[in-house]
Amino acid sequence: MSTQNTTHAVMSQRHEASDSLDYFPTPPWATRALFQEILKPNWLFPHQPKDDVLLETCLEPACGGGHMVKVLQEYFLEVESCDVADYGQDRIADFLSSDVAGDYDFIITNPPFNLAEEFVLKALPMARQCVAIFARTQFMESIGRYERLFKPHPPQFIAQFSERVPIIKGRLSATASTATSYAWFIWRGTAGGIKTSETKLLWIPPSRRIWEKAADYEESLDATHPRPTGHAPQANLFGETKGDI
């Protein structure tokens, strides 16, 4: 008799402690795929004449160690970052508090999963162009989330990765594998006066080999504002690769 593989069930139902920072860095290639495979082909990110860099503002409000910020700087001239914990980013601030306000053209982030809905609801009226969050595909589920978020504020696109995006708690890994599926959830920012009436489901084709760079897994990232913190130094965020899942 065969043994049932329950890996996917375990991974997709991951639970974090209530006081956990839920810090799972996004592999840089997955952020590049957002731009190259979704935003640019669908005209949510204009092609710029100079080095393809957009002369608009972008906020990353759950930046952690800055791995997504580093990629965003490839596409935007001005990128601000903040996080509730201190990783050496621009600001130590809780995005969901009154400490973070103002308007931005784009807000792009990988928020803590248990706060992702709140992040989107706050980001929408702050963004003139686009709000995009990287989250487990499971985020589509829940009657409550449908009533509070997806029904009144349908995303313009849900972009499902056709290949798995390996995510490791607290660090990046070039050799990890995973049983969990991920997607980009993309809204038009309501600060620009545009509201989406229906959602289009897209697939991100296999693209890791196209958008991954060797430098993505270098042993350290220079903090924007180095400060003593209670978290692992950037060099330790990569850790050992043996046994990654």
C-alpha atoms as a PDB file:
ATOM      1  CA  MET A   1       0.000   0.000   0.000  1.00  0.00           C
ATOM      2  CA  SER A   2       1.412   3.366  -0.996  1.00  0.00           C
ATOM      3  CA  THR A   3       2.009   6.100   1.540  1.00  0.00           C
ATOM      4  CA  GLN A   4       0.227   9.392   0.884  1.00  0.00           C
ATOM      5  CA  ASN A   5       2.499  12.374   0.269  1.00  0.00           C
ATOM      6  CA  THR A   6       1.314  15.061   2.671  1.00  0.00           C
ATOM      7  CA  THR A   7       4.161  17.479   2.041  1.00  0.00           C
ATOM      8  CA  HIS A   8       2.015  19.976   0.123  1.00  0.00           C
ATOM      9  CA  ALA A   9      -0.686  19.980   2.797  1.00  0.00           C
ATOM     10  CA  VAL A  10       1.847  20.668   5.501  1.00  0.00           C
ATOM     11  CA  MET A  11       3.623  23.400   3.593  1.00  0.00           C
ATOM     12  CA  SER A  12       0.535  25.241   2.367  1.00  0.00           C
ATOM     13  CA  GLN A  13      -0.886  25.336   5.880  1.00  0.00           C
ATOM     14  CA  ARG A  14       2.226  26.776   7.478  1.00  0.00           C
ATOM     15  CA  HIS A  15       1.459  28.624  10.701  1.00  0.00           C
ATOM     16  CA  GLU A  16       3.621  31.261  12.338  1.00  0.00           C
ATOM     17  CA  ALA A  17       3.547  32.241  16.008  1.00  0.00           C
ATOM     18  CA  SER A  18       1.496  35.368  16.726  1.00  0.00           C
ATOM     19  CA  ASP A  19       4.653  37.318  17.555  1.00  0.00           C
ATOM     20  CA  SER A  20       6.643  35.997  14.564  1.00  0.00           C
ATOM     21  CA  LEU A  21       8.046  38.490  12.049  1.00  0.00           C
ATOM     22  CA  ASP A  22       7.118  35.958   9.343  1.00  0.00           C
ATOM     23  CA  TYR A  23      10.281  36.877   7.456  1.00  0.00           C
ATOM     24  CA  PHE A  24      10.592  34.781   4.295  1.00  0.00           C
ATOM     25  CA  PRO A  25      12.831  36.663   1.785  1.00  0.00           C
ATOM     26  CA  THR A  26      11.636  36.651  -1.823  1.00  0.00           C
ATOM     27  CA  PRO A  27      14.128  35.201  -4.321  1.00  0.00           C
ATOM     28  CA  PRO A  28      15.178  38.159  -6.507  1.00  0.00           C
ATOM     29  CA  TRP A  29      14.340  36.361  -9.758  1.00  0.00           C
ATOM     30  CA  ALA A  30      10.696  36.160  -8.659  1.00  0.00           C
ATOM     31  CA  THR A  31      10.543  39.953  -8.362  1.00  0.00           C
ATOM     32  CA  ARG A  32      12.144  40.431 -11.780  1.00  0.00           C
ATOM     33  CA  ALA A  33       9.557  38.037 -13.201  1.00  0.00           C
ATOM     34  CA  LEU A  34       6.822  40.371 -11.925  1.00  0.00           C
ATOM     35  CA  PHE A  35       8.178  43.177 -14.107  1.00  0.00           C
ATOM     36  CA  GLN A  36       9.358  41.235 -17.132  1.00  0.00           C
ATOM     37  CA  GLU A  37       6.516  38.734 -17.437  1.00  0.00           C
ATOM     38  CA  ILE A  38       3.522  40.683 -16.086  1.00  0.00           C
ATOM     39  CA  LEU A  39       3.840  44.445 -15.572  1.00  0.00           C
ATOM     40  CA  LYS A  40       5.679  45.307 -18.777  1.00  0.00           C
ATOM     41  CA  PRO A  41       3.695  43.086 -21.172  1.00  0.00           C
ATOM     42  CA  ASN A  42       0.449  44.395 -19.688  1.00  0.00           C
ATOM     43  CA  TRP A  43       1.511  48.056 -19.732  1.00  0.00           C
ATOM     44  CA  LEU A  44       1.398  48.545 -15.977  1.00  0.00           C
ATOM     45  CA  PHE A  45       5.071  49.461 -16.103  1.00  0.00           C
ATOM     46  CA  PRO A  46       5.965  51.808 -18.984  1.00  0.00           C
ATOM     47  CA  HIS A  47       9.064  51.189 -21.027  1.00  0.00           C
ATOM     48  CA  GLN A  48      11.473  53.989 -20.219  1.00  0.00           C
ATOM     49  CA  PRO A  49      13.948  55.447 -22.737  1.00  0.00           C
ATOM     50  CA  LYS A  50      16.866  55.520 -20.295  1.00  0.00           C
ATOM     51  CA  ASP A  51      18.029  52.120 -19.089  1.00  0.00           C
ATOM     52  CA  ASP A  52      14.423  51.006 -18.563  1.00  0.00           C
ATOM     53  CA  VAL A  53      14.347  52.773 -15.165  1.00  0.00           C
ATOM     54  CA  LEU A  54      11.019  54.289 -14.200  1.00  0.00           C
ATOM     55  CA  LEU A  55      11.202  57.871 -12.982  1.00  0.00           C
ATOM     56  CA  GLU A  56       8.511  57.302 -10.352  1.00  0.00           C
ATOM     57  CA  THR A  57       8.415  56.330  -6.685  1.00  0.00           C
ATOM     58  CA  CYS A  58       8.160  52.875  -5.152  1.00  0.00           C
ATOM     59  CA  LEU A  59       7.669  51.815  -1.531  1.00  0.00           C
ATOM     60  CA  GLU A  60       8.640  48.407  -0.150  1.00  0.00           C
ATOM     61  CA  PRO A  61       6.917  48.404   3.288  1.00  0.00           C
ATOM     62  CA  ALA A  62       8.030  44.970   4.552  1.00  0.00           C
ATOM     63  CA  CYS A  63      11.572  45.024   3.255  1.00  0.00           C
ATOM     64  CA  GLY A  64      13.397  42.763   5.696  1.00  0.00           C
ATOM     65  CA  GLY A  65      17.014  42.404   4.628  1.00  0.00           C
ATOM     66  CA  GLY A  66      16.446  44.333   1.401  1.00  0.00           C
ATOM     67  CA  HIS A  67      16.473  41.542  -1.185  1.00  0.00           C
ATOM     68  CA  MET A  68      13.372  42.832  -2.966  1.00  0.00           C
ATOM     69  CA  VAL A  69      14.536  46.448  -2.610  1.00  0.00           C
ATOM     70  CA  LYS A  70      17.737  45.565  -4.441  1.00  0.00           C
ATOM     71  CA  VAL A  71      15.703  44.357  -7.430  1.00  0.00           C
ATOM     72  CA  LEU A  72      13.268  47.285  -7.299  1.00  0.00           C
ATOM     73  CA  GLN A  73      16.243  49.618  -7.657  1.00  0.00           C
ATOM     74  CA  GLU A  74      16.859  48.019 -11.051  1.00  0.00           C
ATOM     75  CA  TYR A  75      13.496  49.418 -12.207  1.00  0.00           C
ATOM     76  CA  PHE A  76      12.893  52.596 -10.176  1.00  0.00           C
ATOM     77  CA  LEU A  77      14.999  55.682  -9.655  1.00  0.00           C
ATOM     78  CA  GLU A  78      13.514  56.207  -6.184  1.00  0.00           C
ATOM     79  CA  VAL A  79      12.771  53.315  -3.813  1.00  0.00           C
ATOM     80  CA  GLU A  80      11.867  53.740  -0.141  1.00  0.00           C
ATOM     81  CA  SER A  81      11.865  50.887   2.331  1.00  0.00           C
ATOM     82  CA  CYS A  82      10.575  50.282   5.819  1.00  0.00           C
ATOM     83  CA  ASP A  83       9.982  47.384   8.172  1.00  0.00           C
ATOM     84  CA  VAL A  84       8.707  46.965  11.691  1.00  0.00           C
ATOM     85  CA  ALA A  85      12.019  45.307  12.591  1.00  0.00           C
ATOM     86  CA  ASP A  86      15.480  46.789  12.116  1.00  0.00           C
ATOM     87  CA  TYR A  87      17.402  45.358   9.179  1.00  0.00           C
ATOM     88  CA  GLY A  88      19.248  48.553   8.262  1.00  0.00           C
ATOM     89  CA  GLN A  89      16.529  49.830   5.928  1.00  0.00           C
ATOM     90  CA  ASP A  90      15.489  53.451   5.311  1.00  0.00           C
ATOM     91  CA  ARG A  91      13.007  53.511   8.179  1.00  0.00           C
ATOM     92  CA  ILE A  92      12.023  51.373  11.143  1.00  0.00           C
ATOM     93  CA  ALA A  93       8.272  51.731  10.926  1.00  0.00           C
ATOM     94  CA  ASP A  94       5.103  49.687  11.095  1.00  0.00           C
ATOM     95  CA  PHE A  95       3.404  50.099   7.731  1.00  0.00           C
ATOM     96  CA  LEU A  96       0.005  49.495   9.308  1.00  0.00           C
ATOM     97  CA  SER A  97       0.461  52.362  11.759  1.00  0.00           C
ATOM     98  CA  SER A  98       0.088  56.087  11.164  1.00  0.00           C
ATOM     99  CA  ASP A  99       3.884  56.301  10.955  1.00  0.00           C
ATOM    100  CA  VAL A 100       3.743  55.431   7.261  1.00  0.00           C
ATOM    101  CA  ALA A 101       1.639  57.716   5.080  1.00  0.00           C
ATOM    102  CA  GLY A 102       1.793  59.643   1.828  1.00  0.00           C
ATOM    103  CA  ASP A 103       1.430  58.736  -1.825  1.00  0.00           C
ATOM    104  CA  TYR A 104       3.627  56.546  -3.990  1.00  0.00           C
ATOM    105  CA  ASP A 105       3.353  55.455  -7.587  1.00  0.00           C
ATOM    106  CA  PHE A 106       3.993  51.782  -6.803  1.00  0.00           C
ATOM    107  CA  ILE A 107       3.847  49.764  -3.583  1.00  0.00           C
ATOM    108  CA  ILE A 108       5.411  46.324  -4.005  1.00  0.00           C
ATOM    109  CA  THR A 109       6.154  43.895  -1.182  1.00  0.00           C
ATOM    110  CA  ASN A 110       6.089  40.410   0.313  1.00  0.00           C
ATOM    111  CA  PRO A 111       4.115  41.115   3.499  1.00  0.00           C
ATOM    112  CA  PRO A 112       3.683  38.818   6.485  1.00  0.00           C
ATOM    113  CA  PHE A 113       1.025  36.368   5.317  1.00  0.00           C
ATOM    114  CA  ASN A 114      -1.261  36.906   8.307  1.00  0.00           C
ATOM    115  CA  LEU A 115      -1.218  40.675   7.645  1.00  0.00           C
ATOM    116  CA  ALA A 116      -1.309  40.633   3.839  1.00  0.00           C
ATOM    117  CA  GLU A 117      -4.954  41.670   3.627  1.00  0.00           C
ATOM    118  CA  GLU A 118      -4.345  44.645   5.920  1.00  0.00           C
ATOM    119  CA  PHE A 119      -1.281  45.632   3.893  1.00  0.00           C
ATOM    120  CA  VAL A 120      -3.291  45.693   0.666  1.00  0.00           C
ATOM    121  CA  LEU A 121      -6.184  47.660   2.157  1.00  0.00           C
ATOM    122  CA  LYS A 122      -3.819  50.325   3.441  1.00  0.00           C
ATOM    123  CA  ALA A 123      -1.686  50.394   0.273  1.00  0.00           C
ATOM    124  CA  LEU A 124      -4.505  50.812  -2.256  1.00  0.00           C
ATOM    125  CA  PRO A 125      -5.396  54.458  -1.452  1.00  0.00           C
ATOM    126  CA  MET A 126      -1.681  55.300  -1.140  1.00  0.00           C
ATOM    127  CA  ALA A 127      -0.701  54.023  -4.599  1.00  0.00           C
ATOM    128  CA  ARG A 128      -1.265  56.032  -7.767  1.00  0.00           C
ATOM    129  CA  GLN A 129      -0.322  53.251 -10.175  1.00  0.00           C
ATOM    130  CA  CYS A 130       0.008  49.773  -8.747  1.00  0.00           C
ATOM    131  CA  VAL A 131      -0.010  47.618  -5.614  1.00  0.00           C
ATOM    132  CA  ALA A 132       1.588  44.186  -5.904  1.00  0.00           C
ATOM    133  CA  ILE A 133       2.100  41.607  -3.181  1.00  0.00           C
ATOM    134  CA  PHE A 134       3.918  38.297  -3.364  1.00  0.00           C
ATOM    135  CA  ALA A 135       1.990  35.663  -1.423  1.00  0.00           C
ATOM    136  CA  ARG A 136       1.110  32.015  -1.250  1.00  0.00           C
ATOM    137  CA  THR A 137      -1.589  31.070  -3.736  1.00  0.00           C
ATOM    138  CA  GLN A 138      -3.642  30.106  -0.700  1.00  0.00           C
ATOM    139  CA  PHE A 139      -4.234  33.848  -0.229  1.00  0.00           C
ATOM    140  CA  MET A 140      -7.067  33.554  -2.770  1.00  0.00           C
ATOM    141  CA  GLU A 141      -9.021  31.418  -0.317  1.00  0.00           C
ATOM    142  CA  SER A 142     -11.285  32.453   2.619  1.00  0.00           C
ATOM    143  CA  ILE A 143     -14.856  33.691   2.539  1.00  0.00           C
ATOM    144  CA  GLY A 144     -13.959  36.497   4.916  1.00  0.00           C
ATOM    145  CA  ARG A 145     -11.103  37.697   2.735  1.00  0.00           C
ATOM    146  CA  TYR A 146     -13.369  37.561  -0.309  1.00  0.00           C
ATOM    147  CA  GLU A 147     -15.987  39.736   1.413  1.00  0.00           C
ATOM    148  CA  ARG A 148     -13.494  42.224   2.865  1.00  0.00           C
ATOM    149  CA  LEU A 149     -10.942  42.462   0.054  1.00  0.00           C
ATOM    150  CA  PHE A 150     -11.516  40.637  -3.199  1.00  0.00           C
ATOM    151  CA  LYS A 151     -15.196  41.508  -3.672  1.00  0.00           C
ATOM    152  CA  PRO A 152     -14.916  45.292  -3.029  1.00  0.00           C
ATOM    153  CA  HIS A 153     -11.361  45.547  -4.384  1.00  0.00           C
ATOM    154  CA  PRO A 154     -10.762  42.903  -7.071  1.00  0.00           C
ATOM    155  CA  PRO A 155      -7.136  42.713  -8.195  1.00  0.00           C
ATOM    156  CA  GLN A 156      -6.452  43.426 -11.835  1.00  0.00           C
ATOM    157  CA  PHE A 157      -4.236  40.360 -12.126  1.00  0.00           C
ATOM    158  CA  ILE A 158      -3.421  37.251 -10.174  1.00  0.00           C
ATOM    159  CA  ALA A 159      -0.188  35.990 -11.685  1.00  0.00           C
ATOM    160  CA  GLN A 160       0.466  32.382 -10.734  1.00  0.00           C
ATOM    161  CA  PHE A 161       4.012  31.010 -10.954  1.00  0.00           C
ATOM    162  CA  SER A 162       4.043  27.885 -13.121  1.00  0.00           C
ATOM    163  CA  GLU A 163       7.204  26.746 -11.349  1.00  0.00           C
ATOM    164  CA  ARG A 164       7.782  26.595  -7.610  1.00  0.00           C
ATOM    165  CA  VAL A 165       9.479  29.545  -5.917  1.00  0.00           C
ATOM    166  CA  PRO A 166      11.624  28.223  -3.049  1.00  0.00           C
ATOM    167  CA  ILE A 167      11.160  30.310   0.095  1.00  0.00           C
ATOM    168  CA  ILE A 168      13.205  29.783   3.268  1.00  0.00           C
ATOM    169  CA  LYS A 169      12.487  31.390   6.608  1.00  0.00           C
ATOM    170  CA  GLY A 170      14.979  34.141   7.404  1.00  0.00           C
ATOM    171  CA  ARG A 171      17.317  33.722   4.435  1.00  0.00           C
ATOM    172  CA  LEU A 172      17.791  33.115   0.727  1.00  0.00           C
ATOM    173  CA  SER A 173      18.925  29.827  -0.740  1.00  0.00           C
ATOM    174  CA  ALA A 174      19.988  28.950  -4.287  1.00  0.00           C
ATOM    175  CA  THR A 175      19.433  25.220  -3.697  1.00  0.00           C
ATOM    176  CA  ALA A 176      16.133  25.073  -1.856  1.00  0.00           C
ATOM    177  CA  SER A 177      12.992  23.312  -3.043  1.00  0.00           C
ATOM    178  CA  THR A 178       9.405  23.704  -1.885  1.00  0.00           C
ATOM    179  CA  ALA A 179       5.948  22.148  -2.031  1.00  0.00           C
ATOM    180  CA  THR A 180       4.199  25.526  -1.760  1.00  0.00           C
ATOM    181  CA  SER A 181       2.904  27.547  -4.707  1.00  0.00           C
ATOM    182  CA  TYR A 182       3.149  31.332  -4.939  1.00  0.00           C
ATOM    183  CA  ALA A 183       1.625  34.116  -6.999  1.00  0.00           C
ATOM    184  CA  TRP A 184       1.723  37.876  -7.463  1.00  0.00           C
ATOM    185  CA  PHE A 185      -1.528  39.681  -6.601  1.00  0.00           C
ATOM    186  CA  ILE A 186      -1.707  42.981  -8.475  1.00  0.00           C
ATOM    187  CA  TRP A 187      -4.108  45.908  -8.056  1.00  0.00           C
ATOM    188  CA  ARG A 188      -4.378  49.299  -9.679  1.00  0.00           C
ATOM    189  CA  GLY A 189      -3.803  51.850  -6.940  1.00  0.00           C
ATOM    190  CA  THR A 190      -7.011  53.715  -6.126  1.00  0.00           C
ATOM    191  CA  ALA A 191      -5.133  56.990  -5.511  1.00  0.00           C
ATOM    192  CA  GLY A 192      -5.021  57.261  -9.297  1.00  0.00           C
ATOM    193  CA  GLY A 193      -8.815  57.115  -9.540  1.00  0.00           C
ATOM    194  CA  ILE A 194      -8.870  53.773 -11.406  1.00  0.00           C
ATOM    195  CA  LYS A 195     -10.859  50.820 -10.079  1.00  0.00           C
ATOM    196  CA  THR A 196     -10.739  47.314 -11.529  1.00  0.00           C
ATOM    197  CA  SER A 197     -14.074  45.592 -12.138  1.00  0.00           C
ATOM    198  CA  GLU A 198     -12.806  42.078 -12.793  1.00  0.00           C
ATOM    199  CA  THR A 199      -9.715  39.984 -12.256  1.00  0.00           C
ATOM    200  CA  LYS A 200      -7.640  38.311 -14.943  1.00  0.00           C
ATOM    201  CA  LEU A 201      -5.707  35.160 -14.102  1.00  0.00           C
ATOM    202  CA  LEU A 202      -2.255  34.960 -15.679  1.00  0.00           C
ATOM    203  CA  TRP A 203       0.527  32.419 -15.518  1.00  0.00           C
ATOM    204  CA  ILE A 204       4.165  33.329 -15.109  1.00  0.00           C
ATOM    205  CA  PRO A 205       6.022  30.926 -17.409  1.00  0.00           C
ATOM    206  CA  PRO A 206       9.124  29.099 -16.206  1.00  0.00           C
ATOM    207  CA  SER A 207      11.520  31.994 -15.800  1.00  0.00           C
ATOM    208  CA  ARG A 208      13.978  31.319 -13.015  1.00  0.00           C
ATOM    209  CA  ARG A 209      16.771  30.474 -15.460  1.00  0.00           C
ATOM    210  CA  ILE A 210      16.075  33.691 -17.349  1.00  0.00           C
ATOM    211  CA  TRP A 211      15.892  36.208 -14.497  1.00  0.00           C
ATOM    212  CA  GLU A 212      18.151  34.694 -11.848  1.00  0.00           C
ATOM    213  CA  LYS A 213      21.604  36.265 -11.408  1.00  0.00           C
ATOM    214  CA  ALA A 214      24.647  34.858  -9.662  1.00  0.00           C
ATOM    215  CA  ALA A 215      24.955  38.019  -7.565  1.00  0.00           C
ATOM    216  CA  ASP A 216      21.500  37.365  -6.084  1.00  0.00           C
ATOM    217  CA  TYR A 217      23.086  34.891  -3.695  1.00  0.00           C
ATOM    218  CA  GLU A 218      26.205  36.788  -2.749  1.00  0.00           C
ATOM    219  CA  GLU A 219      27.119  36.332   0.896  1.00  0.00           C
ATOM    220  CA  SER A 220      26.057  39.769   2.086  1.00  0.00           C
ATOM    221  CA  LEU A 221      24.004  42.830   1.267  1.00  0.00           C
ATOM    222  CA  ASP A 222      25.127  46.264   2.343  1.00  0.00           C
ATOM    223  CA  ALA A 223      22.528  47.743   4.669  1.00  0.00           C
ATOM    224  CA  THR A 224      21.331  51.182   3.607  1.00  0.00           C
ATOM    225  CA  HIS A 225      21.730  52.483   7.146  1.00  0.00           C
ATOM    226  CA  PRO A 226      23.945  50.081   9.166  1.00  0.00           C
ATOM    227  CA  ARG A 227      22.837  49.915  12.794  1.00  0.00           C
ATOM    228  CA  PRO A 228      23.301  47.400  15.609  1.00  0.00           C
ATOM    229  CA  THR A 229      20.247  45.132  15.517  1.00  0.00           C
ATOM    230  CA  GLY A 230      18.927  42.103  17.309  1.00  0.00           C
ATOM    231  CA  HIS A 231      18.688  40.153  14.062  1.00  0.00           C
ATOM    232  CA  ALA A 232      21.127  38.017  12.160  1.00  0.00           C
ATOM    233  CA  PRO A 233      23.766  39.915  10.149  1.00  0.00           C
ATOM    234  CA  GLN A 234      23.138  39.806   6.407  1.00  0.00           C
ATOM    235  CA  ALA A 235      25.938  37.280   5.954  1.00  0.00           C
ATOM    236  CA  ASN A 236      24.041  34.878   8.228  1.00  0.00           C
ATOM    237  CA  LEU A 237      20.757  35.244   6.390  1.00  0.00           C
ATOM    238  CA  PHE A 238      22.025  32.826   3.770  1.00  0.00           C
ATOM    239  CA  GLY A 239      23.146  30.101   6.172  1.00  0.00           C
ATOM    240  CA  GLU A 240      23.679  26.494   5.164  1.00  0.00           C
ATOM    241  CA  THR A 241      21.987  25.091   2.096  1.00  0.00           C
ATOM    242  CA  LYS A 242      22.031  21.423   3.106  1.00  0.00           C
ATOM    243  CA  GLY A 243      18.540  20.165   3.856  1.00  0.00           C
ATOM    244  CA  ASP A 244      16.692  23.235   2.574  1.00  0.00           C
ATOM    245  CA  ILE A 245      13.057  22.614   1.664  1.00  0.00           C
END
